């Protein structure tokens, strides 16, 4: 049991370090390990929770070097784009939506 805990913690730590260095890694490294150990639903849920904490930590660490004006433009565009995106997601049938997202 201790070995499993050590492997899970190591996967999360390695993924978090890779996330900090490259911008991706926590879900790619810890996701499969936690999904095998905890089951698919619990593994993905735990990885999503850890990803939120990791992203908040990274955002807090770089807040002094953030170009807030550019962030405002990007955030505004994301909010405005989410309205038509929500309409498209609800209007298109599931299989066609999967094909469309897969082509992107």
PDB file of N, CA and C in Angstrom:
ATOM      1  N   UNK A   1       0.828  -1.196   0.000  1.00  0.00           N
ATOM      2  CA  UNK A   1       0.000   0.000   0.000  1.00  0.00           C
ATOM      3  C   UNK A   1       0.868   1.253   0.000  1.00  0.00           C
ATOM      4  N   UNK A   2       1.965   1.219   0.735  1.00  0.00           N
ATOM      5  CA  UNK A   2       2.871   2.363   0.778  1.00  0.00           C
ATOM      6  C   UNK A   2       3.497   2.597  -0.594  1.00  0.00           C
ATOM      7  N   UNK A   3       3.810   1.512  -1.303  1.00  0.00           N
ATOM      8  CA  UNK A   3       4.400   1.641  -2.633  1.00  0.00           C
ATOM      9  C   UNK A   3       3.432   2.338  -3.591  1.00  0.00           C
ATOM     10  N   UNK A   4       2.166   1.994  -3.508  1.00  0.00           N
ATOM     11  CA  UNK A   4       1.160   2.630  -4.371  1.00  0.00           C
ATOM     12  C   UNK A   4       1.076   4.119  -4.064  1.00  0.00           C
ATOM     13  N   UNK A   5       1.078   4.475  -2.795  1.00  0.00           N
ATOM     14  CA  UNK A   5       1.016   5.888  -2.409  1.00  0.00           C
ATOM     15  C   UNK A   5       2.237   6.641  -2.912  1.00  0.00           C
ATOM     16  N   UNK A   6       3.407   6.030  -2.818  1.00  0.00           N
ATOM     17  CA  UNK A   6       4.637   6.678  -3.287  1.00  0.00           C
ATOM     18  C   UNK A   6       4.581   6.885  -4.799  1.00  0.00           C
ATOM     19  N   UNK A   7       4.097   5.891  -5.533  1.00  0.00           N
ATOM     20  CA  UNK A   7       3.987   6.017  -6.988  1.00  0.00           C
ATOM     21  C   UNK A   7       2.997   7.121  -7.360  1.00  0.00           C
ATOM     22  N   UNK A   8       1.866   7.181  -6.672  1.00  0.00           N
ATOM     23  CA  UNK A   8       0.872   8.222  -6.956  1.00  0.00           C
ATOM     24  C   UNK A   8       1.423   9.610  -6.665  1.00  0.00           C
ATOM     25  N   UNK A   9       2.081   9.758  -5.532  1.00  0.00           N
ATOM     26  CA  UNK A   9       2.658  11.060  -5.169  1.00  0.00           C
ATOM     27  C   UNK A   9       3.749  11.451  -6.153  1.00  0.00           C
ATOM     28  N   UNK A  10       4.590  10.487  -6.545  1.00  0.00           N
ATOM     29  CA  UNK A  10       5.655  10.778  -7.507  1.00  0.00           C
ATOM     30  C   UNK A  10       5.072  11.206  -8.851  1.00  0.00           C
ATOM     31  N   UNK A  11       4.022  10.538  -9.300  1.00  0.00           N
ATOM     32  CA  UNK A  11       3.399  10.911 -10.576  1.00  0.00           C
ATOM     33  C   UNK A  11       2.839  12.325 -10.517  1.00  0.00           C
ATOM     34  N   UNK A  12       2.203  12.671  -9.414  1.00  0.00           N
ATOM     35  CA  UNK A  12       1.637  14.017  -9.268  1.00  0.00           C
ATOM     36  C   UNK A  12       2.751  15.060  -9.206  1.00  0.00           C
ATOM     37  N   UNK A  13       3.805  14.789  -8.458  1.00  0.00           N
ATOM     38  CA  UNK A  13       4.906  15.753  -8.351  1.00  0.00           C
ATOM     39  C   UNK A  13       5.627  15.940  -9.686  1.00  0.00           C
ATOM     40  N   UNK A  14       5.908  14.842 -10.379  1.00  0.00           N
ATOM     41  CA  UNK A  14       6.567  14.954 -11.682  1.00  0.00           C
ATOM     42  C   UNK A  14       5.672  15.711 -12.663  1.00  0.00           C
ATOM     43  N   UNK A  15       4.393  15.406 -12.661  1.00  0.00           N
ATOM     44  CA  UNK A  15       3.463  16.115 -13.534  1.00  0.00           C
ATOM     45  C   UNK A  15       3.369  17.594 -13.210  1.00  0.00           C
ATOM     46  N   UNK A  16       3.370  17.929 -11.920  1.00  0.00           N
ATOM     47  CA  UNK A  16       3.297  19.340 -11.517  1.00  0.00           C
ATOM     48  C   UNK A  16       4.548  20.096 -11.935  1.00  0.00           C
ATOM     49  N   UNK A  17       5.705  19.463 -11.795  1.00  0.00           N
ATOM     50  CA  UNK A  17       6.958  20.105 -12.213  1.00  0.00           C
ATOM     51  C   UNK A  17       6.960  20.311 -13.728  1.00  0.00           C
ATOM     52  N   UNK A  18       6.558  19.301 -14.469  1.00  0.00           N
ATOM     53  CA  UNK A  18       6.482  19.450 -15.924  1.00  0.00           C
ATOM     54  C   UNK A  18       5.477  20.524 -16.325  1.00  0.00           C
ATOM     55  N   UNK A  19       4.377  20.619 -15.601  1.00  0.00           N
ATOM     56  CA  UNK A  19       3.372  21.650 -15.871  1.00  0.00           C
ATOM     57  C   UNK A  19       3.975  23.038 -15.679  1.00  0.00           C
ATOM     58  N   UNK A  20       4.744  23.194 -14.640  1.00  0.00           N
ATOM     59  CA  UNK A  20       5.359  24.498 -14.346  1.00  0.00           C
ATOM     60  C   UNK A  20       6.402  24.859 -15.395  1.00  0.00           C
ATOM     61  N   UNK A  21       7.158  23.868 -15.855  1.00  0.00           N
ATOM     62  CA  UNK A  21       8.239  24.136 -16.803  1.00  0.00           C
ATOM     63  C   UNK A  21       7.713  24.325 -18.226  1.00  0.00           C
ATOM     64  N   UNK A  22       6.832  23.433 -18.667  1.00  0.00           N
ATOM     65  CA  UNK A  22       6.432  23.422 -20.074  1.00  0.00           C
ATOM     66  C   UNK A  22       5.027  23.945 -20.333  1.00  0.00           C
ATOM     67  N   UNK A  23       4.199  24.038 -19.299  1.00  0.00           N
ATOM     68  CA  UNK A  23       2.822  24.462 -19.491  1.00  0.00           C
ATOM     69  C   UNK A  23       1.861  23.306 -19.650  1.00  0.00           C
ATOM     70  N   UNK A  24       2.377  22.102 -19.739  1.00  0.00           N
ATOM     71  CA  UNK A  24       1.525  20.912 -19.774  1.00  0.00           C
ATOM     72  C   UNK A  24       2.271  19.776 -19.091  1.00  0.00           C
ATOM     73  N   UNK A  25       1.528  18.875 -18.492  1.00  0.00           N
ATOM     74  CA  UNK A  25       2.216  17.764 -17.853  1.00  0.00           C
ATOM     75  C   UNK A  25       1.440  17.080 -16.758  1.00  0.00           C
ATOM     76  N   UNK A  26       0.736  17.830 -15.923  1.00  0.00           N
ATOM     77  CA  UNK A  26       0.060  17.203 -14.790  1.00  0.00           C
ATOM     78  C   UNK A  26      -0.984  16.206 -15.269  1.00  0.00           C
ATOM     79  N   UNK A  27      -1.840  16.610 -16.163  1.00  0.00           N
ATOM     80  CA  UNK A  27      -2.851  15.692 -16.674  1.00  0.00           C
ATOM     81  C   UNK A  27      -2.263  14.575 -17.513  1.00  0.00           C
ATOM     82  N   UNK A  28      -1.187  14.879 -18.241  1.00  0.00           N
ATOM     83  CA  UNK A  28      -0.580  13.869 -19.102  1.00  0.00           C
ATOM     84  C   UNK A  28       0.170  12.810 -18.316  1.00  0.00           C
ATOM     85  N   UNK A  29       0.794  13.189 -17.218  1.00  0.00           N
ATOM     86  CA  UNK A  29       1.587  12.245 -16.426  1.00  0.00           C
ATOM     87  C   UNK A  29       0.743  11.602 -15.340  1.00  0.00           C
ATOM     88  N   UNK A  30       0.070  12.416 -14.551  1.00  0.00           N
ATOM     89  CA  UNK A  30      -0.666  11.884 -13.401  1.00  0.00           C
ATOM     90  C   UNK A  30      -2.012  11.291 -13.796  1.00  0.00           C
ATOM     91  N   UNK A  31      -2.593  11.750 -14.886  1.00  0.00           N
ATOM     92  CA  UNK A  31      -3.905  11.261 -15.297  1.00  0.00           C
ATOM     93  C   UNK A  31      -3.978   9.758 -15.487  1.00  0.00           C
ATOM     94  N   UNK A  32      -3.127   9.197 -16.328  1.00  0.00           N
ATOM     95  CA  UNK A  32      -3.186   7.745 -16.510  1.00  0.00           C
ATOM     96  C   UNK A  32      -2.860   6.958 -15.243  1.00  0.00           C
ATOM     97  N   UNK A  33      -1.888   7.427 -14.482  1.00  0.00           N
ATOM     98  CA  UNK A  33      -1.499   6.711 -13.258  1.00  0.00           C
ATOM     99  C   UNK A  33      -2.641   6.721 -12.253  1.00  0.00           C
ATOM    100  N   UNK A  34      -3.230   7.886 -12.027  1.00  0.00           N
ATOM    101  CA  UNK A  34      -4.332   7.970 -11.071  1.00  0.00           C
ATOM    102  C   UNK A  34      -5.581   7.246 -11.574  1.00  0.00           C
ATOM    103  N   UNK A  35      -5.800   7.243 -12.880  1.00  0.00           N
ATOM    104  CA  UNK A  35      -6.963   6.534 -13.419  1.00  0.00           C
ATOM    105  C   UNK A  35      -6.838   5.027 -13.240  1.00  0.00           C
ATOM    106  N   UNK A  36      -5.634   4.506 -13.394  1.00  0.00           N
ATOM    107  CA  UNK A  36      -5.428   3.072 -13.172  1.00  0.00           C
ATOM    108  C   UNK A  36      -5.565   2.743 -11.692  1.00  0.00           C
ATOM    109  N   UNK A  37      -5.014   3.585 -10.846  1.00  0.00           N
ATOM    110  CA  UNK A  37      -5.013   3.296  -9.408  1.00  0.00           C
ATOM    111  C   UNK A  37      -6.378   3.526  -8.757  1.00  0.00           C
ATOM    112  N   UNK A  38      -7.081   4.582  -9.163  1.00  0.00           N
ATOM    113  CA  UNK A  38      -8.331   4.960  -8.495  1.00  0.00           C
ATOM    114  C   UNK A  38      -9.587   4.626  -9.289  1.00  0.00           C
ATOM    115  N   UNK A  39      -9.425   4.243 -10.526  1.00  0.00           N
ATOM    116  CA  UNK A  39     -10.570   4.046 -11.402  1.00  0.00           C
ATOM    117  C   UNK A  39     -10.736   5.265 -12.290  1.00  0.00           C
ATOM    118  N   UNK A  40     -11.390   5.104 -13.435  1.00  0.00           N
ATOM    119  CA  UNK A  40     -11.462   6.210 -14.391  1.00  0.00           C
ATOM    120  C   UNK A  40     -12.150   7.463 -13.864  1.00  0.00           C
ATOM    121  N   UNK A  41     -13.302   7.315 -13.256  1.00  0.00           N
ATOM    122  CA  UNK A  41     -14.048   8.499 -12.802  1.00  0.00           C
ATOM    123  C   UNK A  41     -13.319   9.208 -11.669  1.00  0.00           C
ATOM    124  N   UNK A  42     -12.893   8.464 -10.673  1.00  0.00           N
ATOM    125  CA  UNK A  42     -12.199   9.075  -9.533  1.00  0.00           C
ATOM    126  C   UNK A  42     -10.842   9.626  -9.951  1.00  0.00           C
ATOM    127  N   UNK A  43     -10.131   8.913 -10.827  1.00  0.00           N
ATOM    128  CA  UNK A  43      -8.819   9.381 -11.270  1.00  0.00           C
ATOM    129  C   UNK A  43      -8.899  10.699 -12.009  1.00  0.00           C
ATOM    130  N   UNK A  44      -9.854  10.806 -12.929  1.00  0.00           N
ATOM    131  CA  UNK A  44     -10.013  12.050 -13.689  1.00  0.00           C
ATOM    132  C   UNK A  44     -10.474  13.180 -12.781  1.00  0.00           C
ATOM    133  N   UNK A  45     -11.354  12.882 -11.841  1.00  0.00           N
ATOM    134  CA  UNK A  45     -11.827  13.908 -10.907  1.00  0.00           C
ATOM    135  C   UNK A  45     -10.683  14.439 -10.054  1.00  0.00           C
ATOM    136  N   UNK A  46      -9.855  13.552  -9.549  1.00  0.00           N
ATOM    137  CA  UNK A  46      -8.719  13.972  -8.719  1.00  0.00           C
ATOM    138  C   UNK A  46      -7.727  14.776  -9.551  1.00  0.00           C
ATOM    139  N   UNK A  47      -7.443  14.336 -10.768  1.00  0.00           N
ATOM    140  CA  UNK A  47      -6.508  15.071 -11.628  1.00  0.00           C
ATOM    141  C   UNK A  47      -7.053  16.456 -11.949  1.00  0.00           C
ATOM    142  N   UNK A  48      -8.347  16.572 -12.212  1.00  0.00           N
ATOM    143  CA  UNK A  48      -8.933  17.887 -12.480  1.00  0.00           C
ATOM    144  C   UNK A  48      -8.809  18.804 -11.271  1.00  0.00           C
ATOM    145  N   UNK A  49      -9.075  18.285 -10.091  1.00  0.00           N
ATOM    146  CA  UNK A  49      -8.916  19.088  -8.878  1.00  0.00           C
ATOM    147  C   UNK A  49      -7.480  19.523  -8.665  1.00  0.00           C
ATOM    148  N   UNK A  50      -6.543  18.594  -8.860  1.00  0.00           N
ATOM    149  CA  UNK A  50      -5.129  18.939  -8.721  1.00  0.00           C
ATOM    150  C   UNK A  50      -4.693  19.943  -9.780  1.00  0.00           C
ATOM    151  N   UNK A  51      -5.249  19.842 -10.974  1.00  0.00           N
ATOM    152  CA  UNK A  51      -4.908  20.786 -12.041  1.00  0.00           C
ATOM    153  C   UNK A  51      -5.367  22.200 -11.712  1.00  0.00           C
ATOM    154  N   UNK A  52      -6.530  22.327 -11.094  1.00  0.00           N
ATOM    155  CA  UNK A  52      -7.014  23.654 -10.683  1.00  0.00           C
ATOM    156  C   UNK A  52      -6.072  24.255  -9.652  1.00  0.00           C
ATOM    157  N   UNK A  53      -5.686  23.462  -8.669  1.00  0.00           N
ATOM    158  CA  UNK A  53      -4.766  23.946  -7.631  1.00  0.00           C
ATOM    159  C   UNK A  53      -3.421  24.310  -8.248  1.00  0.00           C
ATOM    160  N   UNK A  54      -2.917  23.472  -9.152  1.00  0.00           N
ATOM    161  CA  UNK A  54      -1.629  23.732  -9.785  1.00  0.00           C
ATOM    162  C   UNK A  54      -1.680  24.987 -10.653  1.00  0.00           C
ATOM    163  N   UNK A  55      -2.757  25.173 -11.405  1.00  0.00           N
ATOM    164  CA  UNK A  55      -2.888  26.363 -12.246  1.00  0.00           C
ATOM    165  C   UNK A  55      -2.983  27.630 -11.405  1.00  0.00           C
ATOM    166  N   UNK A  56      -3.719  27.569 -10.304  1.00  0.00           N
ATOM    167  CA  UNK A  56      -3.812  28.736  -9.416  1.00  0.00           C
ATOM    168  C   UNK A  56      -2.453  29.063  -8.815  1.00  0.00           C
ATOM    169  N   UNK A  57      -1.708  28.043  -8.434  1.00  0.00           N
ATOM    170  CA  UNK A  57      -0.373  28.257  -7.880  1.00  0.00           C
ATOM    171  C   UNK A  57       0.555  28.879  -8.922  1.00  0.00           C
ATOM    172  N   UNK A  58       0.513  28.379 -10.152  1.00  0.00           N
ATOM    173  CA  UNK A  58       1.350  28.940 -11.206  1.00  0.00           C
ATOM    174  C   UNK A  58       0.947  30.375 -11.536  1.00  0.00           C
ATOM    175  N   UNK A  59      -0.343  30.650 -11.576  1.00  0.00           N
ATOM    176  CA  UNK A  59      -0.807  32.013 -11.852  1.00  0.00           C
ATOM    177  C   UNK A  59      -0.366  32.975 -10.758  1.00  0.00           C
ATOM    178  N   UNK A  60      -0.429  32.531  -9.519  1.00  0.00           N
ATOM    179  CA  UNK A  60       0.002  33.369  -8.404  1.00  0.00           C
ATOM    180  C   UNK A  60       1.504  33.645  -8.488  1.00  0.00           C
ATOM    181  N   UNK A  61       2.267  32.651  -8.922  1.00  0.00           N
ATOM    182  CA  UNK A  61       3.718  32.805  -8.990  1.00  0.00           C
ATOM    183  C   UNK A  61       4.143  33.796 -10.070  1.00  0.00           C
ATOM    184  N   UNK A  62       3.384  33.928 -11.150  1.00  0.00           N
ATOM    185  CA  UNK A  62       3.786  34.805 -12.254  1.00  0.00           C
ATOM    186  C   UNK A  62       2.960  36.084 -12.329  1.00  0.00           C
ATOM    187  N   UNK A  63       2.187  36.374 -11.302  1.00  0.00           N
ATOM    188  CA  UNK A  63       1.284  37.528 -11.352  1.00  0.00           C
ATOM    189  C   UNK A  63       2.028  38.847 -11.518  1.00  0.00           C
ATOM    190  N   UNK A  64       3.235  38.970 -10.992  1.00  0.00           N
ATOM    191  CA  UNK A  64       3.975  40.226 -11.098  1.00  0.00           C
ATOM    192  C   UNK A  64       4.452  40.473 -12.527  1.00  0.00           C
ATOM    193  N   UNK A  65       4.647  39.411 -13.299  1.00  0.00           N
ATOM    194  CA  UNK A  65       5.139  39.546 -14.673  1.00  0.00           C
ATOM    195  C   UNK A  65       4.025  39.455 -15.705  1.00  0.00           C
ATOM    196  N   UNK A  66       2.789  39.475 -15.267  1.00  0.00           N
ATOM    197  CA  UNK A  66       1.655  39.349 -16.180  1.00  0.00           C
ATOM    198  C   UNK A  66       1.333  40.695 -16.812  1.00  0.00           C
ATOM    199  N   UNK A  67       1.127  40.698 -18.116  1.00  0.00           N
ATOM    200  CA  UNK A  67       0.674  41.888 -18.829  1.00  0.00           C
ATOM    201  C   UNK A  67      -0.850  41.934 -18.704  1.00  0.00           C
ATOM    202  N   UNK A  68      -1.334  42.678 -17.707  1.00  0.00           N
ATOM    203  CA  UNK A  68      -2.758  42.666 -17.376  1.00  0.00           C
ATOM    204  C   UNK A  68      -3.614  43.294 -18.469  1.00  0.00           C
ATOM    205  N   UNK A  69      -3.065  44.214 -19.225  1.00  0.00           N
ATOM    206  CA  UNK A  69      -3.835  44.807 -20.318  1.00  0.00           C
ATOM    207  C   UNK A  69      -4.108  43.757 -21.400  1.00  0.00           C
ATOM    208  N   UNK A  70      -3.077  43.016 -21.768  1.00  0.00           N
ATOM    209  CA  UNK A  70      -3.253  41.944 -22.748  1.00  0.00           C
ATOM    210  C   UNK A  70      -4.184  40.862 -22.204  1.00  0.00           C
ATOM    211  N   UNK A  71      -4.038  40.562 -20.918  1.00  0.00           N
ATOM    212  CA  UNK A  71      -4.922  39.582 -20.289  1.00  0.00           C
ATOM    213  C   UNK A  71      -6.380  40.022 -20.384  1.00  0.00           C
ATOM    214  N   UNK A  72      -6.619  41.323 -20.199  1.00  0.00           N
ATOM    215  CA  UNK A  72      -7.984  41.845 -20.298  1.00  0.00           C
ATOM    216  C   UNK A  72      -8.579  41.638 -21.681  1.00  0.00           C
ATOM    217  N   UNK A  73      -7.770  41.881 -22.728  1.00  0.00           N
ATOM    218  CA  UNK A  73      -8.249  41.641 -24.087  1.00  0.00           C
ATOM    219  C   UNK A  73      -8.560  40.158 -24.302  1.00  0.00           C
ATOM    220  N   UNK A  74      -7.657  39.307 -23.866  1.00  0.00           N
ATOM    221  CA  UNK A  74      -7.862  37.869 -24.049  1.00  0.00           C
ATOM    222  C   UNK A  74      -9.070  37.372 -23.265  1.00  0.00           C
ATOM    223  N   UNK A  75      -9.187  37.799 -22.017  1.00  0.00           N
ATOM    224  CA  UNK A  75     -10.304  37.348 -21.182  1.00  0.00           C
ATOM    225  C   UNK A  75     -11.631  37.847 -21.745  1.00  0.00           C
ATOM    226  N   UNK A  76     -11.653  39.083 -22.224  1.00  0.00           N
ATOM    227  CA  UNK A  76     -12.878  39.609 -22.826  1.00  0.00           C
ATOM    228  C   UNK A  76     -13.292  38.809 -24.051  1.00  0.00           C
ATOM    229  N   UNK A  77     -12.328  38.474 -24.884  1.00  0.00           N
ATOM    230  CA  UNK A  77     -12.622  37.657 -26.059  1.00  0.00           C
ATOM    231  C   UNK A  77     -13.107  36.268 -25.689  1.00  0.00           C
ATOM    232  N   UNK A  78     -12.527  35.702 -24.649  1.00  0.00           N
ATOM    233  CA  UNK A  78     -12.962  34.372 -24.207  1.00  0.00           C
ATOM    234  C   UNK A  78     -14.391  34.396 -23.687  1.00  0.00           C
ATOM    235  N   UNK A  79     -14.723  35.428 -22.930  1.00  0.00           N
ATOM    236  CA  UNK A  79     -16.084  35.527 -22.393  1.00  0.00           C
ATOM    237  C   UNK A  79     -17.082  35.739 -23.526  1.00  0.00           C
ATOM    238  N   UNK A  80     -16.755  36.632 -24.462  1.00  0.00           N
ATOM    239  CA  UNK A  80     -17.659  36.870 -25.588  1.00  0.00           C
ATOM    240  C   UNK A  80     -17.792  35.630 -26.477  1.00  0.00           C
ATOM    241  N   UNK A  81     -16.710  34.905 -26.661  1.00  0.00           N
ATOM    242  CA  UNK A  81     -16.751  33.709 -27.495  1.00  0.00           C
ATOM    243  C   UNK A  81     -17.461  32.540 -26.851  1.00  0.00           C
ATOM    244  N   UNK A  82     -17.577  32.554 -25.533  1.00  0.00           N
ATOM    245  CA  UNK A  82     -18.231  31.429 -24.860  1.00  0.00           C
ATOM    246  C   UNK A  82     -19.743  31.412 -25.104  1.00  0.00           C
ATOM    247  N   UNK A  83     -20.334  32.564 -25.389  1.00  0.00           N
ATOM    248  CA  UNK A  83     -21.783  32.608 -25.632  1.00  0.00           C
ATOM    249  C   UNK A  83     -22.143  31.879 -26.929  1.00  0.00           C
ATOM    250  N   UNK A  84     -21.540  32.223 -28.073  1.00  0.00           N
ATOM    251  CA  UNK A  84     -21.876  31.445 -29.272  1.00  0.00           C
ATOM    252  C   UNK A  84     -21.404  29.992 -29.178  1.00  0.00           C
ATOM    253  N   UNK A  85     -20.320  29.753 -28.483  1.00  0.00           N
ATOM    254  CA  UNK A  85     -19.850  28.372 -28.321  1.00  0.00           C
ATOM    255  C   UNK A  85     -20.862  27.537 -27.547  1.00  0.00           C
ATOM    256  N   UNK A  86     -21.458  28.112 -26.519  1.00  0.00           N
ATOM    257  CA  UNK A  86     -22.482  27.388 -25.756  1.00  0.00           C
ATOM    258  C   UNK A  86     -23.688  27.089 -26.637  1.00  0.00           C
ATOM    259  N   UNK A  87     -24.050  28.025 -27.497  1.00  0.00           N
ATOM    260  CA  UNK A  87     -25.164  27.784 -28.417  1.00  0.00           C
ATOM    261  C   UNK A  87     -24.831  26.660 -29.393  1.00  0.00           C
ATOM    262  N   UNK A  88     -23.622  26.679 -29.948  1.00  0.00           N
ATOM    263  CA  UNK A  88     -23.217  25.653 -30.908  1.00  0.00           C
ATOM    264  C   UNK A  88     -23.211  24.276 -30.254  1.00  0.00           C
ATOM    265  N   UNK A  89     -22.707  24.195 -29.038  1.00  0.00           N
ATOM    266  CA  UNK A  89     -22.628  22.903 -28.345  1.00  0.00           C
ATOM    267  C   UNK A  89     -24.015  22.336 -28.087  1.00  0.00           C
ATOM    268  N   UNK A  90     -24.971  23.198 -27.771  1.00  0.00           N
ATOM    269  CA  UNK A  90     -26.327  22.699 -27.515  1.00  0.00           C
ATOM    270  C   UNK A  90     -27.111  22.452 -28.803  1.00  0.00           C
ATOM    271  N   UNK A  91     -26.739  23.095 -29.908  1.00  0.00           N
ATOM    272  CA  UNK A  91     -27.496  22.978 -31.150  1.00  0.00           C
ATOM    273  C   UNK A  91     -27.055  21.802 -32.021  1.00  0.00           C
ATOM    274  N   UNK A  92     -25.800  21.404 -31.932  1.00  0.00           N
ATOM    275  CA  UNK A  92     -25.274  20.342 -32.797  1.00  0.00           C
ATOM    276  C   UNK A  92     -25.449  18.992 -32.112  1.00  0.00           C
ATOM    277  N   UNK A  93     -25.804  17.973 -32.895  1.00  0.00           N
ATOM    278  CA  UNK A  93     -25.919  16.617 -32.368  1.00  0.00           C
ATOM    279  C   UNK A  93     -24.562  16.126 -31.869  1.00  0.00           C
ATOM    280  N   UNK A  94     -24.598  15.252 -30.888  1.00  0.00           N
ATOM    281  CA  UNK A  94     -23.387  14.743 -30.255  1.00  0.00           C
ATOM    282  C   UNK A  94     -22.355  14.165 -31.204  1.00  0.00           C
ATOM    283  N   UNK A  95     -22.726  13.240 -32.106  1.00  0.00           N
ATOM    284  CA  UNK A  95     -21.725  12.668 -33.015  1.00  0.00           C
ATOM    285  C   UNK A  95     -21.080  13.708 -33.933  1.00  0.00           C
ATOM    286  N   UNK A  96     -21.880  14.656 -34.435  1.00  0.00           N
ATOM    287  CA  UNK A  96     -21.309  15.697 -35.292  1.00  0.00           C
ATOM    288  C   UNK A  96     -20.394  16.628 -34.499  1.00  0.00           C
ATOM    289  N   UNK A  97     -20.753  16.879 -33.263  1.00  0.00           N
ATOM    290  CA  UNK A  97     -19.901  17.709 -32.418  1.00  0.00           C
ATOM    291  C   UNK A  97     -18.565  17.016 -32.164  1.00  0.00           C
ATOM    292  N   UNK A  98     -18.595  15.713 -31.921  1.00  0.00           N
ATOM    293  CA  UNK A  98     -17.355  14.958 -31.727  1.00  0.00           C
ATOM    294  C   UNK A  98     -16.478  15.004 -32.975  1.00  0.00           C
ATOM    295  N   UNK A  99     -17.086  14.873 -34.137  1.00  0.00           N
ATOM    296  CA  UNK A  99     -16.322  14.933 -35.385  1.00  0.00           C
ATOM    297  C   UNK A  99     -15.721  16.317 -35.574  1.00  0.00           C
ATOM    298  N   UNK A 100     -16.509  17.358 -35.310  1.00  0.00           N
ATOM    299  CA  UNK A 100     -16.027  18.735 -35.465  1.00  0.00           C
ATOM    300  C   UNK A 100     -14.859  19.018 -34.531  1.00  0.00           C
ATOM    301  N   UNK A 101     -15.004  18.643 -33.279  1.00  0.00           N
ATOM    302  CA  UNK A 101     -13.920  18.873 -32.315  1.00  0.00           C
ATOM    303  C   UNK A 101     -12.706  18.035 -32.686  1.00  0.00           C
ATOM    304  N   UNK A 102     -12.930  16.820 -33.162  1.00  0.00           N
ATOM    305  CA  UNK A 102     -11.817  15.974 -33.578  1.00  0.00           C
ATOM    306  C   UNK A 102     -11.053  16.549 -34.751  1.00  0.00           C
ATOM    307  N   UNK A 103     -11.746  17.223 -35.654  1.00  0.00           N
ATOM    308  CA  UNK A 103     -11.078  17.836 -36.798  1.00  0.00           C
ATOM    309  C   UNK A 103     -10.273  19.068 -36.410  1.00  0.00           C
ATOM    310  N   UNK A 104     -10.648  19.707 -35.319  1.00  0.00           N
ATOM    311  CA  UNK A 104      -9.907  20.887 -34.879  1.00  0.00           C
ATOM    312  C   UNK A 104      -8.559  20.460 -34.374  1.00  0.00           C
TER     313      UNK A 104
END
